[in-house]
PDB file of N, CA and C in Angstrom:
ATOM      1  N   MET A   1     183.235 234.358  66.714  1.00  0.00           N
ATOM      2  CA  MET A   1     182.058 233.952  67.439  1.00  0.00           C
ATOM      3  C   MET A   1     181.236 235.180  67.853  1.00  0.00           C
ATOM      4  N   LYS A   2     181.919 236.241  68.296  1.00  0.00           N
ATOM      5  CA  LYS A   2     181.242 237.464  68.702  1.00  0.00           C
ATOM      6  C   LYS A   2     180.563 238.113  67.499  1.00  0.00           C
ATOM      7  N   ALA A   3     181.198 238.086  66.334  1.00  0.00           N
ATOM      8  CA  ALA A   3     180.617 238.648  65.115  1.00  0.00           C
ATOM      9  C   ALA A   3     179.361 237.889  64.717  1.00  0.00           C
ATOM     10  N   ASN A   4     179.360 236.594  64.952  1.00  0.00           N
ATOM     11  CA  ASN A   4     178.201 235.758  64.639  1.00  0.00           C
ATOM     12  C   ASN A   4     177.010 236.143  65.523  1.00  0.00           C
ATOM     13  N   ARG A   5     177.273 236.412  66.795  1.00  0.00           N
ATOM     14  CA  ARG A   5     176.213 236.820  67.718  1.00  0.00           C
ATOM     15  C   ARG A   5     175.669 238.190  67.327  1.00  0.00           C
ATOM     16  N   VAL A   6     176.534 239.087  66.934  1.00  0.00           N
ATOM     17  CA  VAL A   6     176.118 240.422  66.520  1.00  0.00           C
ATOM     18  C   VAL A   6     175.251 240.322  65.274  1.00  0.00           C
ATOM     19  N   ALA A   7     175.666 239.501  64.333  1.00  0.00           N
ATOM     20  CA  ALA A   7     174.898 239.321  63.098  1.00  0.00           C
ATOM     21  C   ALA A   7     173.541 238.701  63.407  1.00  0.00           C
ATOM     22  N   THR A   8     173.523 237.723  64.293  1.00  0.00           N
ATOM     23  CA  THR A   8     172.264 237.079  64.671  1.00  0.00           C
ATOM     24  C   THR A   8     171.348 238.078  65.376  1.00  0.00           C
ATOM     25  N   SER A   9     171.909 238.872  66.269  1.00  0.00           N
ATOM     26  CA  SER A   9     171.121 239.872  66.985  1.00  0.00           C
ATOM     27  C   SER A   9     170.583 240.928  66.026  1.00  0.00           C
ATOM     28  N   LEU A  10     171.429 241.351  65.085  1.00  0.00           N
ATOM     29  CA  LEU A  10     171.007 242.337  64.096  1.00  0.00           C
ATOM     30  C   LEU A  10     169.888 241.778  63.222  1.00  0.00           C
ATOM     31  N   PHE A  11     170.041 240.532  62.803  1.00  0.00           N
ATOM     32  CA  PHE A  11     169.000 239.875  61.990  1.00  0.00           C
ATOM     33  C   PHE A  11     167.683 239.784  62.766  1.00  0.00           C
ATOM     34  N   ALA A  12     167.783 239.407  64.058  1.00  0.00           N
ATOM     35  CA  ALA A  12     166.589 239.298  64.890  1.00  0.00           C
ATOM     36  C   ALA A  12     165.916 240.663  65.044  1.00  0.00           C
ATOM     37  N   PHE A  13     166.724 241.723  65.206  1.00  0.00           N
ATOM     38  CA  PHE A  13     166.177 243.057  65.345  1.00  0.00           C
ATOM     39  C   PHE A  13     165.455 243.497  64.065  1.00  0.00           C
ATOM     40  N   ILE A  14     166.079 243.268  62.931  1.00  0.00           N
ATOM     41  CA  ILE A  14     165.472 243.647  61.654  1.00  0.00           C
ATOM     42  C   ILE A  14     164.196 242.851  61.409  1.00  0.00           C
ATOM     43  N   LEU A  15     164.227 241.562  61.717  1.00  0.00           N
ATOM     44  CA  LEU A  15     163.039 240.716  61.549  1.00  0.00           C
ATOM     45  C   LEU A  15     161.900 241.212  62.447  1.00  0.00           C
ATOM     46  N   ALA A  16     162.217 241.537  63.702  1.00  0.00           N
ATOM     47  CA  ALA A  16     161.197 242.042  64.624  1.00  0.00           C
ATOM     48  C   ALA A  16     160.638 243.376  64.134  1.00  0.00           C
ATOM     49  N   LEU A  17     161.490 244.198  63.552  1.00  0.00           N
ATOM     50  CA  LEU A  17     161.056 245.479  63.035  1.00  0.00           C
ATOM     51  C   LEU A  17     160.052 245.288  61.893  1.00  0.00           C
ATOM     52  N   PHE A  18     160.364 244.389  60.967  1.00  0.00           N
ATOM     53  CA  PHE A  18     159.457 244.135  59.845  1.00  0.00           C
ATOM     54  C   PHE A  18     158.153 243.489  60.301  1.00  0.00           C
ATOM     55  N   ILE A  19     158.243 242.604  61.274  1.00  0.00           N
ATOM     56  CA  ILE A  19     157.024 241.959  61.781  1.00  0.00           C
ATOM     57  C   ILE A  19     156.143 242.990  62.477  1.00  0.00           C
ATOM     58  N   GLY A  20     156.745 243.896  63.204  1.00  0.00           N
ATOM     59  CA  GLY A  20     155.979 244.920  63.906  1.00  0.00           C
ATOM     60  C   GLY A  20     155.411 245.975  62.977  1.00  0.00           C
ATOM     61  N   VAL A  21     156.126 246.339  61.930  1.00  0.00           N
ATOM     62  CA  VAL A  21     155.696 247.383  61.017  1.00  0.00           C
ATOM     63  C   VAL A  21     154.786 246.825  59.931  1.00  0.00           C
ATOM     64  N   GLY A  22     154.938 245.576  59.568  1.00  0.00           N
ATOM     65  CA  GLY A  22     154.156 244.969  58.488  1.00  0.00           C
ATOM     66  C   GLY A  22     152.656 245.132  58.659  1.00  0.00           C
ATOM     67  N   PRO A  23     152.100 244.715  59.794  1.00  0.00           N
ATOM     68  CA  PRO A  23     150.649 244.883  59.969  1.00  0.00           C
ATOM     69  C   PRO A  23     150.204 246.342  59.941  1.00  0.00           C
ATOM     70  N   ALA A  24     151.036 247.228  60.467  1.00  0.00           N
ATOM     71  CA  ALA A  24     150.676 248.649  60.446  1.00  0.00           C
ATOM     72  C   ALA A  24     150.628 249.167  59.012  1.00  0.00           C
ATOM     73  N   LEU A  25     151.562 248.743  58.185  1.00  0.00           N
ATOM     74  CA  LEU A  25     151.538 249.146  56.788  1.00  0.00           C
ATOM     75  C   LEU A  25     150.334 248.567  56.072  1.00  0.00           C
ATOM     76  N   ALA A  26     150.006 247.334  56.381  1.00  0.00           N
ATOM     77  CA  ALA A  26     148.845 246.703  55.750  1.00  0.00           C
ATOM     78  C   ALA A  26     147.571 247.441  56.123  1.00  0.00           C
ATOM     79  N   LEU A  27     147.443 247.846  57.370  1.00  0.00           N
ATOM     80  CA  LEU A  27     146.265 248.588  57.802  1.00  0.00           C
ATOM     81  C   LEU A  27     146.213 249.957  57.138  1.00  0.00           C
ATOM     82  N   ARG A  28     147.361 250.565  57.000  1.00  0.00           N
ATOM     83  CA  ARG A  28     147.408 251.893  56.404  1.00  0.00           C
ATOM     84  C   ARG A  28     146.972 251.864  54.949  1.00  0.00           C
ATOM     85  N   THR A  29     147.421 250.872  54.202  1.00  0.00           N
ATOM     86  CA  THR A  29     147.054 250.808  52.797  1.00  0.00           C
ATOM     87  C   THR A  29     145.614 250.355  52.628  1.00  0.00           C
ATOM     88  N   SER A  30     145.108 249.514  53.521  1.00  0.00           N
ATOM     89  CA  SER A  30     143.737 249.047  53.374  1.00  0.00           C
ATOM     90  C   SER A  30     142.726 250.129  53.757  1.00  0.00           C
ATOM     91  N   SER A  31     143.129 251.125  54.525  1.00  0.00           N
ATOM     92  CA  SER A  31     142.198 252.180  54.906  1.00  0.00           C
ATOM     93  C   SER A  31     141.932 253.149  53.758  1.00  0.00           C
ATOM     94  N   ALA A  32     142.670 252.997  52.651  1.00  0.00           N
ATOM     95  CA  ALA A  32     142.438 253.851  51.496  1.00  0.00           C
ATOM     96  C   ALA A  32     141.110 253.519  50.819  1.00  0.00           C
ATOM     97  N   VAL A  33     140.579 252.331  51.063  1.00  0.00           N
ATOM     98  CA  VAL A  33     139.299 251.930  50.487  1.00  0.00           C
ATOM     99  C   VAL A  33     138.198 252.471  51.384  1.00  0.00           C
ATOM    100  N   PRO A  34     137.306 253.302  50.858  1.00  0.00           N
ATOM    101  CA  PRO A  34     136.262 253.870  51.709  1.00  0.00           C
ATOM    102  C   PRO A  34     135.251 252.805  52.117  1.00  0.00           C
ATOM    103  N   PRO A  35     134.695 252.926  53.310  1.00  0.00           N
ATOM    104  CA  PRO A  35     133.679 251.966  53.754  1.00  0.00           C
ATOM    105  C   PRO A  35     132.411 252.140  52.935  1.00  0.00           C
ATOM    106  N   PRO A  36     131.594 251.084  52.847  1.00  0.00           N
ATOM    107  CA  PRO A  36     130.353 251.224  52.081  1.00  0.00           C
ATOM    108  C   PRO A  36     129.450 252.271  52.714  1.00  0.00           C
ATOM    109  N   THR A  37     128.788 253.039  51.872  1.00  0.00           N
ATOM    110  CA  THR A  37     127.906 254.083  52.379  1.00  0.00           C
ATOM    111  C   THR A  37     126.512 253.514  52.595  1.00  0.00           C
ATOM    112  N   PRO A  38     125.880 253.863  53.702  1.00  0.00           N
ATOM    113  CA  PRO A  38     124.524 253.382  53.933  1.00  0.00           C
ATOM    114  C   PRO A  38     123.550 254.015  52.954  1.00  0.00           C
ATOM    115  N   VAL A  39     122.447 253.345  52.746  1.00  0.00           N
ATOM    116  CA  VAL A  39     121.436 253.857  51.826  1.00  0.00           C
ATOM    117  C   VAL A  39     120.814 255.099  52.441  1.00  0.00           C
ATOM    118  N   ALA A  40     120.783 256.156  51.697  1.00  0.00           N
ATOM    119  CA  ALA A  40     120.188 257.401  52.178  1.00  0.00           C
ATOM    120  C   ALA A  40     118.675 257.237  52.253  1.00  0.00           C
ATOM    121  N   SER A  41     118.077 257.829  53.265  1.00  0.00           N
ATOM    122  CA  SER A  41     116.633 257.681  53.438  1.00  0.00           C
ATOM    123  C   SER A  41     115.852 258.281  52.277  1.00  0.00           C
ATOM    124  N   ALA A  42     116.447 259.227  51.560  1.00  0.00           N
ATOM    125  CA  ALA A  42     115.763 259.835  50.424  1.00  0.00           C
ATOM    126  C   ALA A  42     115.564 258.837  49.292  1.00  0.00           C
ATOM    127  N   SER A  43     116.415 257.818  49.222  1.00  0.00           N
ATOM    128  CA  SER A  43     116.299 256.843  48.151  1.00  0.00           C
ATOM    129  C   SER A  43     115.437 255.646  48.549  1.00  0.00           C
ATOM    130  N   LEU A  44     114.956 255.614  49.769  1.00  0.00           N
ATOM    131  CA  LEU A  44     114.091 254.524  50.211  1.00  0.00           C
ATOM    132  C   LEU A  44     112.684 254.722  49.655  1.00  0.00           C
ATOM    133  N   VAL A  45     112.030 253.629  49.351  1.00  0.00           N
ATOM    134  CA  VAL A  45     110.675 253.675  48.803  1.00  0.00           C
ATOM    135  C   VAL A  45     109.681 253.592  49.955  1.00  0.00           C
ATOM    136  N   ASP A  46     108.825 254.584  50.068  1.00  0.00           N
ATOM    137  CA  ASP A  46     107.788 254.596  51.105  1.00  0.00           C
ATOM    138  C   ASP A  46     106.602 253.773  50.599  1.00  0.00           C
ATOM    139  N   ILE A  47     106.352 252.653  51.258  1.00  0.00           N
ATOM    140  CA  ILE A  47     105.290 251.758  50.795  1.00  0.00           C
ATOM    141  C   ILE A  47     103.896 252.350  50.986  1.00  0.00           C
ATOM    142  N   ASN A  48     103.788 253.425  51.735  1.00  0.00           N
ATOM    143  CA  ASN A  48     102.489 254.074  51.924  1.00  0.00           C
ATOM    144  C   ASN A  48     102.164 255.087  50.827  1.00  0.00           C
ATOM    145  N   THR A  49     103.171 255.557  50.107  1.00  0.00           N
ATOM    146  CA  THR A  49     102.919 256.597  49.106  1.00  0.00           C
ATOM    147  C   THR A  49     103.472 256.276  47.717  1.00  0.00           C
ATOM    148  N   ALA A  50     104.252 255.218  47.588  1.00  0.00           N
ATOM    149  CA  ALA A  50     104.898 254.910  46.307  1.00  0.00           C
ATOM    150  C   ALA A  50     103.868 254.579  45.229  1.00  0.00           C
ATOM    151  N   THR A  51     104.207 254.947  44.015  1.00  0.00           N
ATOM    152  CA  THR A  51     103.361 254.593  42.879  1.00  0.00           C
ATOM    153  C   THR A  51     103.591 253.121  42.536  1.00  0.00           C
ATOM    154  N   LYS A  52     102.723 252.603  41.696  1.00  0.00           N
ATOM    155  CA  LYS A  52     102.856 251.214  41.278  1.00  0.00           C
ATOM    156  C   LYS A  52     104.201 250.999  40.572  1.00  0.00           C
ATOM    157  N   ASP A  53     104.598 251.944  39.745  1.00  0.00           N
ATOM    158  CA  ASP A  53     105.874 251.828  39.029  1.00  0.00           C
ATOM    159  C   ASP A  53     107.068 251.867  39.988  1.00  0.00           C
ATOM    160  N   GLN A  54     106.995 252.702  41.019  1.00  0.00           N
ATOM    161  CA  GLN A  54     108.076 252.750  42.002  1.00  0.00           C
ATOM    162  C   GLN A  54     108.184 251.432  42.751  1.00  0.00           C
ATOM    163  N   LEU A  55     107.055 250.842  43.072  1.00  0.00           N
ATOM    164  CA  LEU A  55     107.067 249.553  43.767  1.00  0.00           C
ATOM    165  C   LEU A  55     107.605 248.458  42.859  1.00  0.00           C
ATOM    166  N   LYS A  56     107.221 248.490  41.582  1.00  0.00           N
ATOM    167  CA  LYS A  56     107.673 247.476  40.633  1.00  0.00           C
ATOM    168  C   LYS A  56     109.175 247.547  40.386  1.00  0.00           C
ATOM    169  N   ALA A  57     109.800 248.663  40.701  1.00  0.00           N
ATOM    170  CA  ALA A  57     111.249 248.797  40.545  1.00  0.00           C
ATOM    171  C   ALA A  57     112.008 248.033  41.630  1.00  0.00           C
ATOM    172  N   LEU A  58     111.313 247.631  42.675  1.00  0.00           N
ATOM    173  CA  LEU A  58     111.944 246.869  43.754  1.00  0.00           C
ATOM    174  C   LEU A  58     112.161 245.422  43.307  1.00  0.00           C
ATOM    175  N   PRO A  59     113.235 244.777  43.760  1.00  0.00           N
ATOM    176  CA  PRO A  59     113.491 243.393  43.358  1.00  0.00           C
ATOM    177  C   PRO A  59     112.401 242.443  43.838  1.00  0.00           C
ATOM    178  N   GLY A  60     111.897 241.637  42.918  1.00  0.00           N
ATOM    179  CA  GLY A  60     110.877 240.648  43.268  1.00  0.00           C
ATOM    180  C   GLY A  60     109.461 241.180  43.294  1.00  0.00           C
ATOM    181  N   ILE A  61     109.268 242.458  43.001  1.00  0.00           N
ATOM    182  CA  ILE A  61     107.937 243.055  43.016  1.00  0.00           C
ATOM    183  C   ILE A  61     107.492 243.302  41.575  1.00  0.00           C
ATOM    184  N   GLY A  62     106.418 242.641  41.201  1.00  0.00           N
ATOM    185  CA  GLY A  62     105.833 242.829  39.875  1.00  0.00           C
ATOM    186  C   GLY A  62     104.479 243.492  40.010  1.00  0.00           C
ATOM    187  N   ASP A  63     103.666 243.378  38.960  1.00  0.00           N
ATOM    188  CA  ASP A  63     102.337 244.007  38.961  1.00  0.00           C
ATOM    189  C   ASP A  63     101.468 243.536  40.118  1.00  0.00           C
ATOM    190  N   VAL A  64     101.441 242.219  40.347  1.00  0.00           N
ATOM    191  CA  VAL A  64     100.542 241.657  41.362  1.00  0.00           C
ATOM    192  C   VAL A  64     100.933 242.113  42.758  1.00  0.00           C
ATOM    193  N   TYR A  65     102.214 241.972  43.125  1.00  0.00           N
ATOM    194  CA  TYR A  65     102.638 242.380  44.472  1.00  0.00           C
ATOM    195  C   TYR A  65     102.534 243.889  44.650  1.00  0.00           C
ATOM    196  N   ALA A  66     102.839 244.652  43.618  1.00  0.00           N
ATOM    197  CA  ALA A  66     102.714 246.106  43.722  1.00  0.00           C
ATOM    198  C   ALA A  66     101.267 246.488  44.018  1.00  0.00           C
ATOM    199  N   GLN A  67     100.335 245.863  43.336  1.00  0.00           N
ATOM    200  CA  GLN A  67      98.923 246.162  43.572  1.00  0.00           C
ATOM    201  C   GLN A  67      98.489 245.718  44.963  1.00  0.00           C
ATOM    202  N   LYS A  68      98.985 244.569  45.416  1.00  0.00           N
ATOM    203  CA  LYS A  68      98.658 244.100  46.770  1.00  0.00           C
ATOM    204  C   LYS A  68      99.169 245.085  47.829  1.00  0.00           C
ATOM    205  N   ILE A  69     100.370 245.611  47.604  1.00  0.00           N
ATOM    206  CA  ILE A  69     100.932 246.597  48.542  1.00  0.00           C
ATOM    207  C   ILE A  69     100.056 247.838  48.576  1.00  0.00           C
ATOM    208  N   ILE A  70      99.644 248.308  47.415  1.00  0.00           N
ATOM    209  CA  ILE A  70      98.783 249.497  47.343  1.00  0.00           C
ATOM    210  C   ILE A  70      97.440 249.227  48.012  1.00  0.00           C
ATOM    211  N   ASP A  71      96.854 248.076  47.740  1.00  0.00           N
ATOM    212  CA  ASP A  71      95.543 247.738  48.313  1.00  0.00           C
ATOM    213  C   ASP A  71      95.590 247.573  49.826  1.00  0.00           C
ATOM    214  N   GLY A  72      96.752 247.219  50.383  1.00  0.00           N
ATOM    215  CA  GLY A  72      96.869 246.986  51.826  1.00  0.00           C
ATOM    216  C   GLY A  72      97.205 248.215  52.644  1.00  0.00           C
ATOM    217  N   ARG A  73      97.323 249.357  52.012  1.00  0.00           N
ATOM    218  CA  ARG A  73      97.678 250.586  52.721  1.00  0.00           C
ATOM    219  C   ARG A  73      96.596 251.011  53.684  1.00  0.00           C
ATOM    220  N   PRO A  74      96.943 251.701  54.749  1.00  0.00           N
ATOM    221  CA  PRO A  74      98.260 252.157  55.175  1.00  0.00           C
ATOM    222  C   PRO A  74      98.970 251.112  56.036  1.00  0.00           C
ATOM    223  N   TYR A  75     100.281 251.252  56.126  1.00  0.00           N
ATOM    224  CA  TYR A  75     101.121 250.381  56.940  1.00  0.00           C
ATOM    225  C   TYR A  75     101.761 251.208  58.047  1.00  0.00           C
ATOM    226  N   ALA A  76     101.686 250.718  59.262  1.00  0.00           N
ATOM    227  CA  ALA A  76     102.346 251.384  60.381  1.00  0.00           C
ATOM    228  C   ALA A  76     103.832 251.024  60.408  1.00  0.00           C
ATOM    229  N   MET A  77     104.144 249.805  59.974  1.00  0.00           N
ATOM    230  CA  MET A  77     105.526 249.328  59.930  1.00  0.00           C
ATOM    231  C   MET A  77     105.724 248.553  58.640  1.00  0.00           C
ATOM    232  N   LYS A  78     106.925 248.616  58.107  1.00  0.00           N
ATOM    233  CA  LYS A  78     107.190 247.909  56.857  1.00  0.00           C
ATOM    234  C   LYS A  78     107.093 246.398  57.020  1.00  0.00           C
ATOM    235  N   THR A  79     107.307 245.892  58.217  1.00  0.00           N
ATOM    236  CA  THR A  79     107.224 244.449  58.450  1.00  0.00           C
ATOM    237  C   THR A  79     105.814 243.905  58.240  1.00  0.00           C
ATOM    238  N   GLN A  80     104.836 244.792  58.190  1.00  0.00           N
ATOM    239  CA  GLN A  80     103.462 244.351  57.952  1.00  0.00           C
ATOM    240  C   GLN A  80     103.285 243.760  56.556  1.00  0.00           C
ATOM    241  N   LEU A  81     104.175 244.078  55.637  1.00  0.00           N
ATOM    242  CA  LEU A  81     104.102 243.447  54.313  1.00  0.00           C
ATOM    243  C   LEU A  81     104.217 241.934  54.465  1.00  0.00           C
ATOM    244  N   LYS A  82     105.052 241.509  55.393  1.00  0.00           N
ATOM    245  CA  LYS A  82     105.250 240.084  55.621  1.00  0.00           C
ATOM    246  C   LYS A  82     104.190 239.531  56.581  1.00  0.00           C
ATOM    247  N   SER A  83     103.933 240.229  57.659  1.00  0.00           N
ATOM    248  CA  SER A  83     103.010 239.692  58.665  1.00  0.00           C
ATOM    249  C   SER A  83     101.571 239.620  58.172  1.00  0.00           C
ATOM    250  N   ARG A  84     101.193 240.505  57.272  1.00  0.00           N
ATOM    251  CA  ARG A  84      99.846 240.473  56.696  1.00  0.00           C
ATOM    252  C   ARG A  84      99.747 239.545  55.486  1.00  0.00           C
ATOM    253  N   GLY A  85     100.870 238.990  55.056  1.00  0.00           N
ATOM    254  CA  GLY A  85     100.863 238.092  53.910  1.00  0.00           C
ATOM    255  C   GLY A  85     100.763 238.813  52.568  1.00  0.00           C
ATOM    256  N   ILE A  86     101.151 240.077  52.537  1.00  0.00           N
ATOM    257  CA  ILE A  86     101.108 240.848  51.291  1.00  0.00           C
ATOM    258  C   ILE A  86     102.178 240.317  50.324  1.00  0.00           C
ATOM    259  N   VAL A  87     103.386 240.089  50.852  1.00  0.00           N
ATOM    260  CA  VAL A  87     104.467 239.495  50.063  1.00  0.00           C
ATOM    261  C   VAL A  87     105.067 238.341  50.867  1.00  0.00           C
ATOM    262  N   PRO A  88     105.623 237.343  50.186  1.00  0.00           N
ATOM    263  CA  PRO A  88     106.266 236.236  50.914  1.00  0.00           C
ATOM    264  C   PRO A  88     107.533 236.709  51.640  1.00  0.00           C
ATOM    265  N   ALA A  89     107.945 235.941  52.629  1.00  0.00           N
ATOM    266  CA  ALA A  89     109.118 236.294  53.435  1.00  0.00           C
ATOM    267  C   ALA A  89     110.370 236.465  52.570  1.00  0.00           C
ATOM    268  N   ALA A  90     110.556 235.597  51.585  1.00  0.00           N
ATOM    269  CA  ALA A  90     111.749 235.683  50.729  1.00  0.00           C
ATOM    270  C   ALA A  90     111.769 236.999  49.950  1.00  0.00           C
ATOM    271  N   THR A  91     110.625 237.430  49.474  1.00  0.00           N
ATOM    272  CA  THR A  91     110.537 238.697  48.746  1.00  0.00           C
ATOM    273  C   THR A  91     110.758 239.865  49.697  1.00  0.00           C
ATOM    274  N   TYR A  92     110.159 239.787  50.880  1.00  0.00           N
ATOM    275  CA  TYR A  92     110.347 240.844  51.873  1.00  0.00           C
ATOM    276  C   TYR A  92     111.823 240.994  52.216  1.00  0.00           C
ATOM    277  N   ASP A  93     112.522 239.867  52.378  1.00  0.00           N
ATOM    278  CA  ASP A  93     113.943 239.927  52.711  1.00  0.00           C
ATOM    279  C   ASP A  93     114.747 240.648  51.635  1.00  0.00           C
ATOM    280  N   LYS A  94     114.325 240.544  50.386  1.00  0.00           N
ATOM    281  CA  LYS A  94     115.024 241.221  49.287  1.00  0.00           C
ATOM    282  C   LYS A  94     114.832 242.737  49.332  1.00  0.00           C
ATOM    283  N   ILE A  95     113.668 243.190  49.807  1.00  0.00           N
ATOM    284  CA  ILE A  95     113.339 244.611  49.736  1.00  0.00           C
ATOM    285  C   ILE A  95     113.401 245.338  51.072  1.00  0.00           C
ATOM    286  N   ALA A  96     113.584 244.621  52.169  1.00  0.00           N
ATOM    287  CA  ALA A  96     113.507 245.230  53.498  1.00  0.00           C
ATOM    288  C   ALA A  96     114.436 246.426  53.671  1.00  0.00           C
ATOM    289  N   SER A  97     115.624 246.358  53.114  1.00  0.00           N
ATOM    290  CA  SER A  97     116.570 247.474  53.278  1.00  0.00           C
ATOM    291  C   SER A  97     116.309 248.612  52.293  1.00  0.00           C
ATOM    292  N   LEU A  98     115.341 248.436  51.404  1.00  0.00           N
ATOM    293  CA  LEU A  98     115.056 249.438  50.373  1.00  0.00           C
ATOM    294  C   LEU A  98     113.758 250.199  50.619  1.00  0.00           C
ATOM    295  N   ILE A  99     113.014 249.794  51.637  1.00  0.00           N
ATOM    296  CA  ILE A  99     111.694 250.393  51.867  1.00  0.00           C
ATOM    297  C   ILE A  99     111.566 250.986  53.264  1.00  0.00           C
ATOM    298  N   ILE A 100     110.589 251.873  53.396  1.00  0.00           N
ATOM    299  CA  ILE A 100     110.187 252.416  54.690  1.00  0.00           C
ATOM    300  C   ILE A 100     108.664 252.508  54.679  1.00  0.00           C
ATOM    301  N   ALA A 101     108.099 252.705  55.846  1.00  0.00           N
ATOM    302  CA  ALA A 101     106.649 252.926  55.960  1.00  0.00           C
ATOM    303  C   ALA A 101     106.459 254.162  56.831  1.00  0.00           C
ATOM    304  N   LYS A 102     106.432 255.313  56.184  1.00  0.00           N
ATOM    305  CA  LYS A 102     106.177 256.547  56.931  1.00  0.00           C
ATOM    306  C   LYS A 102     104.714 256.575  57.313  1.00  0.00           C
ATOM    307  N   LYS A 103     104.468 257.060  58.496  1.00  0.00           N
ATOM    308  CA  LYS A 103     103.085 257.157  58.945  1.00  0.00           C
ATOM    309  C   LYS A 103     102.369 258.227  58.132  1.00  0.00           C
ATOM    310  N   PRO A 104     101.182 257.894  57.643  1.00  0.00           N
ATOM    311  CA  PRO A 104     100.426 258.886  56.853  1.00  0.00           C
ATOM    312  C   PRO A 104     100.121 260.121  57.687  1.00  0.00           C
ATOM    313  N   ALA A 105     100.141 261.277  57.050  1.00  0.00           N
ATOM    314  CA  ALA A 105      99.832 262.530  57.739  1.00  0.00           C
ATOM    315  C   ALA A 105      98.360 262.534  58.115  1.00  0.00           C
ATOM    316  N   LYS A 106      98.090 262.999  59.321  1.00  0.00           N
ATOM    317  CA  LYS A 106      96.706 263.087  59.783  1.00  0.00           C
ATOM    318  C   LYS A 106      96.087 264.367  59.239  1.00  0.00           C
ATOM    319  N   THR A 107      94.881 264.231  58.773  1.00  0.00           N
ATOM    320  CA  THR A 107      94.170 265.408  58.294  1.00  0.00           C
ATOM    321  C   THR A 107      93.351 265.960  59.451  1.00  0.00           C
ATOM    322  N   GLY A 108      93.454 267.239  59.680  1.00  0.00           N
ATOM    323  CA  GLY A 108      92.752 267.856  60.801  1.00  0.00           C
ATOM    324  C   GLY A 108      91.374 268.336  60.400  1.00  0.00           C
ATOM    325  N   LYS A 109      90.332 267.709  60.907  1.00  0.00           N
ATOM    326  CA  LYS A 109      88.960 268.128  60.649  1.00  0.00           C
ATOM    327  C   LYS A 109      88.225 268.323  61.932  1.00  0.00           C
TER     328      LYS A 109
END
């Protein structure tokens, strides 16, 4: 009877050990996958200075929308593409993370 209790206690200890270590091992192996890298600002398309071809490279932007973007310049904020009706909301949602609107440099006269 005493041997049975020892075996049960030993089994419980080993089970608790695996339950406690299991999640730690899972976290350790999953951390080997690097997190996604944010888009570098250098790769963002500036809607105030981009060429027609650069704009057309954006998803959902063809000749017509690219020309509308160029004709609507300058933009203080990229959200003006949507608020001014330059592109539809669905198209804006596709490109919002790919564009910026840098303020045009002021010329000193």
